[in-house]
Amino acid sequence: MTPLQFTDDAIAVSVVVPARDAAPTLDRALRALEAQELDRAFEVIVVDDGSRDGTAEIARRHPELVRLVRHEDSQGPGAARNRGVQEARGLVLAFTDADCFPTREWLVRGLEALAEADLVQGRVEPDPTARRTPFDRTLSVDSDRGVYQTANLFVRRETFDAVGGFRDWVLEQRPDRRWSQDTRRARAMRTPIGEDTDFAWRARRLSAVVAFSSEAVVYHAVVPGTVSDAIADRWHWARDMSGLTRLVPELRHTAYYRRVFFNQVSARFDLALAGLAIAMLTREAGWTVAGMPYIRHLRVVSSQWGRAEAITYILGAPLLDAVTMAGLLTGSLTWRSLVL
């Protein structure tokens, strides 16, 4: 592998931050980037992807750090990142999001990992200062299971060019898709999923060396919400997960449970529902024992909350998992790829 070679006057890293309706979190993200301890020159490119709030104004408050690029109308997260890369001058490309807050050593540790790789997925943790609630929204990445997140991703420029950039594949293949408003995050429109995972696997198929760095850490915002917010989120991504699986069938071996189920929770819920249905049809109550693994799951997860929040979770989680199942089944039919 070719070593990374930086000249003294060159920009080592270009950090690309797509941002759409990101006013609540962008300033904190940029302040975290200003605090980076990297002893080499780096730049930050914020791509305002059709925001209707104060995202651009916030980016302009950091003129010594940020170069701002604007799309008048949203073109999708993949297109926004590609635009940022077009403007980038760094040998290395680092991607994070406007609702993420890198630690001070993020760039240092990412470059260390990239010395022996072409693409590095970094660790993502929920904001440790935020209060957690049963149906909040955040992100956690603690290992490489084949599902890649541009909340924390490093890639060599030559690898990016060889892959050809990101593809917003849902927008390409489903141009008629109508996108709902993301009320939880005050966004006018939800974003398509999976462009980051698709990108990384196309790199892997070109023999790119991929690594995971547990030391390059980014914290992700924790956005509170109700079970209704969580249901809207689940429906949004569940109906396109089968499409991502068609693009990246390797996920069945690296990420999914027994190659068909999205995870163990979805498998336990499906088993519980099947047992209940058979019990009702046969009038044999013994079939309901199939629901025990799912009930144990509810008990374990709810134990982390206080009494009121635990009750809220136990009542809301089955509804949330039912919507997830419906979304996965709908997607399986739409994309012709079975994921349960």
Protein backbone atom coordinates (compact mmCIF):
# COMPACT_ATOMS: atom_id res chain seq x y z
CA MET A 1 0.00 0.00 0.00
CA THR A 2 1.27 3.44 -0.92
CA PRO A 3 2.13 5.48 2.19
CA LEU A 4 0.34 8.75 2.75
CA GLN A 5 2.81 11.49 1.89
CA PHE A 6 1.97 15.02 2.95
CA THR A 7 3.98 18.06 1.95
CA ASP A 8 4.40 20.86 4.46
CA ASP A 9 2.30 23.38 2.53
CA ALA A 10 -0.41 21.03 1.30
CA ILE A 11 -3.85 20.49 2.79
CA ALA A 12 -3.76 17.04 4.33
CA VAL A 13 -7.45 16.46 4.96
CA SER A 14 -10.66 17.82 3.52
CA VAL A 15 -13.59 17.36 5.89
CA VAL A 16 -16.88 17.27 3.97
CA VAL A 17 -20.05 18.06 5.92
CA PRO A 18 -23.40 17.88 4.09
CA ALA A 19 -26.01 19.96 5.87
CA ARG A 20 -29.71 20.41 5.30
CA ASP A 21 -31.88 22.25 7.80
CA ALA A 22 -29.05 21.72 10.28
CA ALA A 23 -29.26 24.95 12.28
CA PRO A 24 -29.84 23.24 15.66
CA THR A 25 -26.54 21.29 15.55
CA LEU A 26 -24.19 22.75 12.93
CA ASP A 27 -22.47 25.34 15.11
CA ARG A 28 -21.50 22.73 17.69
CA ALA A 29 -20.20 20.47 14.91
CA LEU A 30 -18.02 23.25 13.48
CA ARG A 31 -16.69 24.22 16.90
CA ALA A 32 -15.65 20.58 17.40
CA LEU A 33 -13.81 20.70 14.07
CA GLU A 34 -12.12 23.98 15.04
CA ALA A 35 -10.75 22.21 18.13
CA GLN A 36 -9.01 19.41 16.19
CA GLU A 37 -5.46 18.71 17.37
CA LEU A 38 -4.11 17.79 13.95
CA ASP A 39 -0.74 19.43 13.31
CA ARG A 40 -1.27 19.49 9.54
CA ALA A 41 -3.39 21.81 7.47
CA PHE A 42 -7.00 20.77 6.94
CA GLU A 43 -10.12 22.34 5.55
CA VAL A 44 -13.85 21.98 6.16
CA ILE A 45 -16.34 22.14 3.32
CA VAL A 46 -19.98 22.56 4.31
CA VAL A 47 -22.43 21.75 1.53
CA ASP A 48 -25.78 23.37 2.26
CA ASP A 49 -28.16 21.04 0.44
CA GLY A 50 -31.19 23.24 -0.05
CA SER A 51 -31.72 24.28 3.57
CA ARG A 52 -34.68 26.46 4.48
CA ASP A 53 -33.32 27.54 7.86
CA GLY A 54 -30.20 29.34 9.05
CA THR A 55 -27.70 26.62 8.08
CA ALA A 56 -25.77 28.83 5.63
CA GLU A 57 -25.61 31.74 8.06
CA ILE A 58 -24.16 29.49 10.77
CA ALA A 59 -21.50 28.16 8.40
CA ARG A 60 -20.51 31.74 7.50
CA ARG A 61 -19.74 32.43 11.17
CA HIS A 62 -16.63 30.24 10.80
CA PRO A 63 -14.88 31.90 7.83
CA GLU A 64 -11.36 30.82 8.82
CA LEU A 65 -12.42 27.18 8.90
CA VAL A 66 -15.29 26.69 6.48
CA ARG A 67 -15.79 26.94 2.76
CA LEU A 68 -19.51 27.03 2.07
CA VAL A 69 -21.10 25.51 -1.02
CA ARG A 70 -24.83 25.83 -1.59
CA HIS A 71 -27.46 23.90 -3.51
CA GLU A 72 -30.61 25.93 -3.96
CA ASP A 73 -32.69 22.75 -3.88
CA SER A 74 -31.88 19.49 -2.13
CA GLN A 75 -30.09 17.01 -4.36
CA GLY A 76 -29.60 14.27 -1.78
CA PRO A 77 -26.85 13.45 0.72
CA GLY A 78 -24.71 11.55 -1.78
CA ALA A 79 -24.80 14.39 -4.30
CA ALA A 80 -23.98 16.87 -1.54
CA ARG A 81 -20.92 14.89 -0.50
CA ASN A 82 -19.81 14.54 -4.11
CA ARG A 83 -20.08 18.29 -4.53
CA GLY A 84 -17.97 18.77 -1.43
CA VAL A 85 -15.31 16.45 -2.81
CA GLN A 86 -15.26 18.43 -6.07
CA GLU A 87 -14.27 21.46 -4.00
CA ALA A 88 -11.81 19.55 -1.81
CA ARG A 89 -8.04 19.98 -2.01
CA GLY A 90 -6.94 17.37 0.52
CA LEU A 91 -5.12 14.11 -0.08
CA VAL A 92 -7.51 12.49 2.39
CA LEU A 93 -11.27 12.90 2.54
CA ALA A 94 -13.01 12.77 5.91
CA PHE A 95 -16.79 12.67 6.14
CA THR A 96 -19.00 13.57 9.06
CA ASP A 97 -22.47 15.03 9.46
CA ALA A 98 -23.89 18.29 10.73
CA ASP A 99 -25.40 16.56 13.77
CA CYS A 100 -22.07 15.01 14.80
CA PHE A 101 -19.37 16.28 17.15
CA PRO A 102 -15.89 14.80 16.59
CA THR A 103 -13.51 14.44 19.50
CA ARG A 104 -10.32 16.52 19.48
CA GLU A 105 -8.21 13.61 18.22
CA TRP A 106 -10.63 12.52 15.52
CA LEU A 107 -8.54 13.58 12.53
CA VAL A 108 -5.28 12.42 14.12
CA ARG A 109 -6.62 8.95 14.84
CA GLY A 110 -8.38 8.68 11.50
CA LEU A 111 -5.17 9.43 9.62
CA GLU A 112 -3.28 6.90 11.74
CA ALA A 113 -5.78 4.19 10.77
CA LEU A 114 -5.75 5.25 7.12
CA ALA A 115 -1.98 4.75 6.95
CA GLU A 116 -2.68 1.03 6.57
CA ALA A 117 -6.03 1.17 4.79
CA ASP A 118 -7.87 2.78 1.90
CA LEU A 119 -11.10 3.36 3.78
CA VAL A 120 -11.69 3.63 7.53
CA GLN A 121 -14.96 3.50 9.42
CA GLY A 122 -14.62 5.29 12.75
CA ARG A 123 -16.52 4.73 15.97
CA VAL A 124 -19.77 6.62 16.54
CA GLU A 125 -21.38 7.02 19.95
CA PRO A 126 -24.47 8.88 21.16
CA ASP A 127 -23.75 12.27 22.71
CA PRO A 128 -22.73 11.35 26.29
CA THR A 129 -24.03 14.65 27.67
CA ALA A 130 -27.58 14.11 26.42
CA ARG A 131 -30.37 12.53 28.42
CA ARG A 132 -31.59 9.34 26.75
CA THR A 133 -35.26 8.49 26.32
CA PRO A 134 -36.95 5.33 25.02
CA PHE A 135 -37.70 6.63 21.52
CA ASP A 136 -34.95 9.16 20.91
CA ARG A 137 -32.93 9.12 17.71
CA THR A 138 -29.16 8.78 17.56
CA LEU A 139 -26.48 6.54 16.06
CA SER A 140 -23.98 4.00 17.39
CA VAL A 141 -21.22 2.25 15.44
CA ASP A 142 -18.85 0.07 17.46
CA SER A 143 -17.50 -2.39 14.88
CA ASP A 144 -17.33 -3.13 11.17
CA ARG A 145 -20.38 -5.22 10.32
CA GLY A 146 -20.54 -4.06 6.74
CA VAL A 147 -23.01 -1.21 7.30
CA TYR A 148 -20.99 1.97 6.80
CA GLN A 149 -21.85 5.41 8.11
CA THR A 150 -20.54 8.70 6.76
CA ALA A 151 -21.05 10.15 10.21
CA ASN A 152 -17.42 9.03 10.59
CA LEU A 153 -15.65 7.83 7.47
CA PHE A 154 -12.16 8.38 6.07
CA VAL A 155 -11.11 7.54 2.52
CA ARG A 156 -8.07 8.15 0.37
CA ARG A 157 -8.73 10.49 -2.51
CA GLU A 158 -7.58 7.98 -5.13
CA THR A 159 -9.97 5.39 -3.69
CA PHE A 160 -12.86 7.81 -3.85
CA ASP A 161 -12.03 8.62 -7.48
CA ALA A 162 -11.76 4.93 -8.38
CA VAL A 163 -15.19 4.21 -6.90
CA GLY A 164 -16.72 7.24 -8.61
CA GLY A 165 -18.30 8.85 -5.58
CA PHE A 166 -21.60 8.33 -3.81
CA ARG A 167 -24.87 7.30 -5.43
CA ASP A 168 -28.25 8.29 -4.04
CA TRP A 169 -29.57 5.03 -5.42
CA VAL A 170 -33.10 5.44 -4.04
CA LEU A 171 -33.47 8.74 -5.88
CA GLU A 172 -32.10 7.13 -9.04
CA GLN A 173 -34.32 4.06 -8.97
CA ARG A 174 -37.43 5.55 -7.36
CA PRO A 175 -37.71 9.10 -8.73
CA ASP A 176 -41.44 9.04 -7.93
CA ARG A 177 -40.80 8.54 -4.20
CA ARG A 178 -42.51 11.11 -2.00
CA TRP A 179 -40.53 12.10 1.07
CA SER A 180 -42.23 13.01 4.32
CA GLN A 181 -41.22 15.84 6.62
CA ASP A 182 -38.86 14.94 9.44
CA THR A 183 -40.67 16.74 12.25
CA ARG A 184 -38.38 15.30 14.92
CA ARG A 185 -35.39 17.18 13.47
CA ALA A 186 -37.33 20.12 11.97
CA ARG A 187 -36.39 19.12 8.44
CA ALA A 188 -38.59 19.81 5.48
CA MET A 189 -37.82 16.41 3.96
CA ARG A 190 -36.32 13.08 4.99
CA THR A 191 -33.21 11.82 3.23
CA PRO A 192 -32.69 8.55 1.31
CA ILE A 193 -30.65 5.81 2.98
CA GLY A 194 -27.68 3.61 2.23
CA GLU A 195 -25.51 5.69 -0.10
CA ASP A 196 -22.61 5.33 2.34
CA THR A 197 -22.87 1.54 2.61
CA ASP A 198 -23.18 1.23 -1.17
CA PHE A 199 -20.08 3.42 -1.61
CA ALA A 200 -17.96 1.39 0.81
CA TRP A 201 -18.89 -1.93 -0.73
CA ARG A 202 -18.11 -0.70 -4.22
CA ALA A 203 -14.70 0.23 -2.83
CA ARG A 204 -14.31 -3.20 -1.24
CA ARG A 205 -15.15 -4.88 -4.55
CA LEU A 206 -12.27 -2.93 -6.07
CA SER A 207 -9.99 -4.56 -3.46
CA ALA A 208 -9.81 -1.50 -1.22
CA VAL A 209 -8.37 -2.28 2.20
CA VAL A 210 -10.98 -1.43 4.83
CA ALA A 211 -10.35 -0.90 8.54
CA PHE A 212 -12.26 0.08 11.66
CA SER A 213 -10.88 2.62 14.13
CA SER A 214 -12.23 2.56 17.66
CA GLU A 215 -10.04 5.57 18.52
CA ALA A 216 -11.35 7.94 15.84
CA VAL A 217 -14.52 8.89 17.68
CA VAL A 218 -17.48 11.02 16.69
CA TYR A 219 -20.44 11.74 18.97
CA HIS A 220 -23.87 11.84 17.37
CA ALA A 221 -26.64 14.13 18.56
CA VAL A 222 -29.47 12.58 20.55
CA VAL A 223 -32.80 13.88 19.30
CA PRO A 224 -35.74 13.22 21.65
CA GLY A 225 -39.06 12.06 20.31
CA THR A 226 -42.23 10.11 20.88
CA VAL A 227 -43.17 6.66 19.67
CA SER A 228 -44.88 8.39 16.73
CA ASP A 229 -41.58 9.95 15.73
CA ALA A 230 -39.85 6.57 16.00
CA ILE A 231 -42.56 4.94 13.88
CA ALA A 232 -42.06 7.52 11.14
CA ASP A 233 -38.32 6.94 11.25
CA ARG A 234 -38.68 3.15 11.06
CA TRP A 235 -41.14 3.26 8.18
CA HIS A 236 -38.80 5.59 6.33
CA TRP A 237 -35.77 3.31 6.30
CA ALA A 238 -37.42 -0.12 6.56
CA ARG A 239 -39.15 0.08 3.21
CA ASP A 240 -35.83 0.70 1.40
CA MET A 241 -33.63 -1.74 3.32
CA SER A 242 -34.46 -4.52 0.86
CA GLY A 243 -33.34 -2.29 -1.99
CA LEU A 244 -30.01 -1.72 -0.28
CA THR A 245 -29.72 -5.47 0.18
CA ARG A 246 -30.18 -5.99 -3.55
CA LEU A 247 -27.29 -3.59 -4.16
CA VAL A 248 -25.17 -5.07 -1.37
CA PRO A 249 -26.06 -8.76 -0.94
CA GLU A 250 -22.94 -9.12 1.22
CA LEU A 251 -24.99 -7.61 4.06
CA ARG A 252 -26.76 -10.94 4.47
CA HIS A 253 -23.46 -12.45 5.61
CA THR A 254 -21.97 -9.55 7.59
CA ALA A 255 -24.90 -7.72 9.20
CA TYR A 256 -28.16 -9.65 9.10
CA TYR A 257 -29.38 -12.38 11.42
CA ARG A 258 -29.48 -15.73 9.64
CA ARG A 259 -29.18 -13.88 6.32
CA VAL A 260 -32.89 -13.02 6.09
CA PHE A 261 -33.76 -11.12 9.27
CA PHE A 262 -32.64 -7.53 9.67
CA ASN A 263 -31.52 -8.28 13.22
CA GLN A 264 -32.31 -10.53 16.17
CA VAL A 265 -35.05 -8.22 17.41
CA SER A 266 -36.95 -8.40 14.13
CA ALA A 267 -36.57 -12.19 14.14
CA ARG A 268 -37.91 -12.45 17.70
CA PHE A 269 -40.85 -10.18 16.91
CA ASP A 270 -41.71 -12.16 13.78
CA LEU A 271 -41.52 -15.40 15.77
CA ALA A 272 -43.78 -13.97 18.47
CA LEU A 273 -46.32 -12.79 15.93
CA ALA A 274 -46.29 -16.13 14.12
CA GLY A 275 -46.81 -17.99 17.40
CA LEU A 276 -49.74 -15.75 18.32
CA ALA A 277 -51.33 -16.19 14.90
CA ILE A 278 -51.02 -19.99 15.03
CA ALA A 279 -52.41 -20.06 18.57
CA MET A 280 -55.44 -18.07 17.45
CA LEU A 281 -56.00 -20.27 14.40
CA THR A 282 -55.52 -23.61 16.18
CA ARG A 283 -56.90 -22.53 19.57
CA GLU A 284 -53.81 -24.07 21.16
CA ALA A 285 -52.31 -21.60 23.62
CA GLY A 286 -49.01 -23.45 23.71
CA TRP A 287 -47.92 -21.72 20.50
CA THR A 288 -47.69 -18.41 22.37
CA VAL A 289 -44.45 -19.65 23.96
CA ALA A 290 -42.84 -18.55 20.70
CA GLY A 291 -43.18 -15.01 22.02
CA MET A 292 -40.92 -15.57 25.03
CA PRO A 293 -37.64 -14.44 23.37
CA TYR A 294 -39.29 -11.17 22.34
CA ILE A 295 -40.82 -10.65 25.81
CA ARG A 296 -37.39 -11.19 27.39
CA HIS A 297 -35.99 -8.60 24.99
CA LEU A 298 -38.61 -6.07 26.10
CA ARG A 299 -37.82 -6.74 29.76
CA VAL A 300 -34.06 -6.34 29.29
CA VAL A 301 -34.31 -3.09 27.35
CA SER A 302 -36.98 -1.56 29.58
CA SER A 303 -34.88 -2.24 32.69
CA GLN A 304 -32.60 0.68 31.84
CA TRP A 305 -35.44 3.19 32.26
CA GLY A 306 -37.39 4.46 35.22
CA ARG A 307 -40.88 3.08 35.84
CA ALA A 308 -42.81 5.55 33.68
CA GLU A 309 -40.39 5.38 30.75
CA ALA A 310 -40.22 1.58 31.00
CA ILE A 311 -43.99 1.35 30.69
CA THR A 312 -43.90 3.74 27.74
CA TYR A 313 -41.29 1.56 26.06
CA ILE A 314 -43.08 -1.74 26.68
CA LEU A 315 -46.31 -0.35 25.26
CA GLY A 316 -44.70 1.38 22.29
CA ALA A 317 -41.98 -1.03 21.20
CA PRO A 318 -44.31 -3.77 19.83
CA LEU A 319 -46.10 -1.16 17.72
CA LEU A 320 -42.74 0.13 16.51
CA ASP A 321 -41.58 -3.38 15.62
CA ALA A 322 -44.85 -4.08 13.84
CA VAL A 323 -44.30 -1.01 11.67
CA THR A 324 -40.73 -2.17 11.03
CA MET A 325 -42.03 -5.56 9.87
CA ALA A 326 -44.61 -3.90 7.63
CA GLY A 327 -41.95 -1.64 6.12
CA LEU A 328 -39.57 -4.54 5.51
CA LEU A 329 -42.32 -6.62 3.91
CA THR A 330 -43.40 -3.69 1.74
CA GLY A 331 -39.80 -3.15 0.70
CA SER A 332 -39.29 -6.84 0.03
CA LEU A 333 -42.13 -6.72 -2.49
CA THR A 334 -41.10 -3.39 -3.98
CA TRP A 335 -37.41 -4.22 -4.39
CA ARG A 336 -37.89 -7.99 -4.86
CA SER A 337 -35.41 -8.90 -2.15
CA LEU A 338 -36.60 -10.59 1.04
CA VAL A 339 -35.63 -8.96 4.35
CA LEU A 340 -37.71 -9.62 7.47
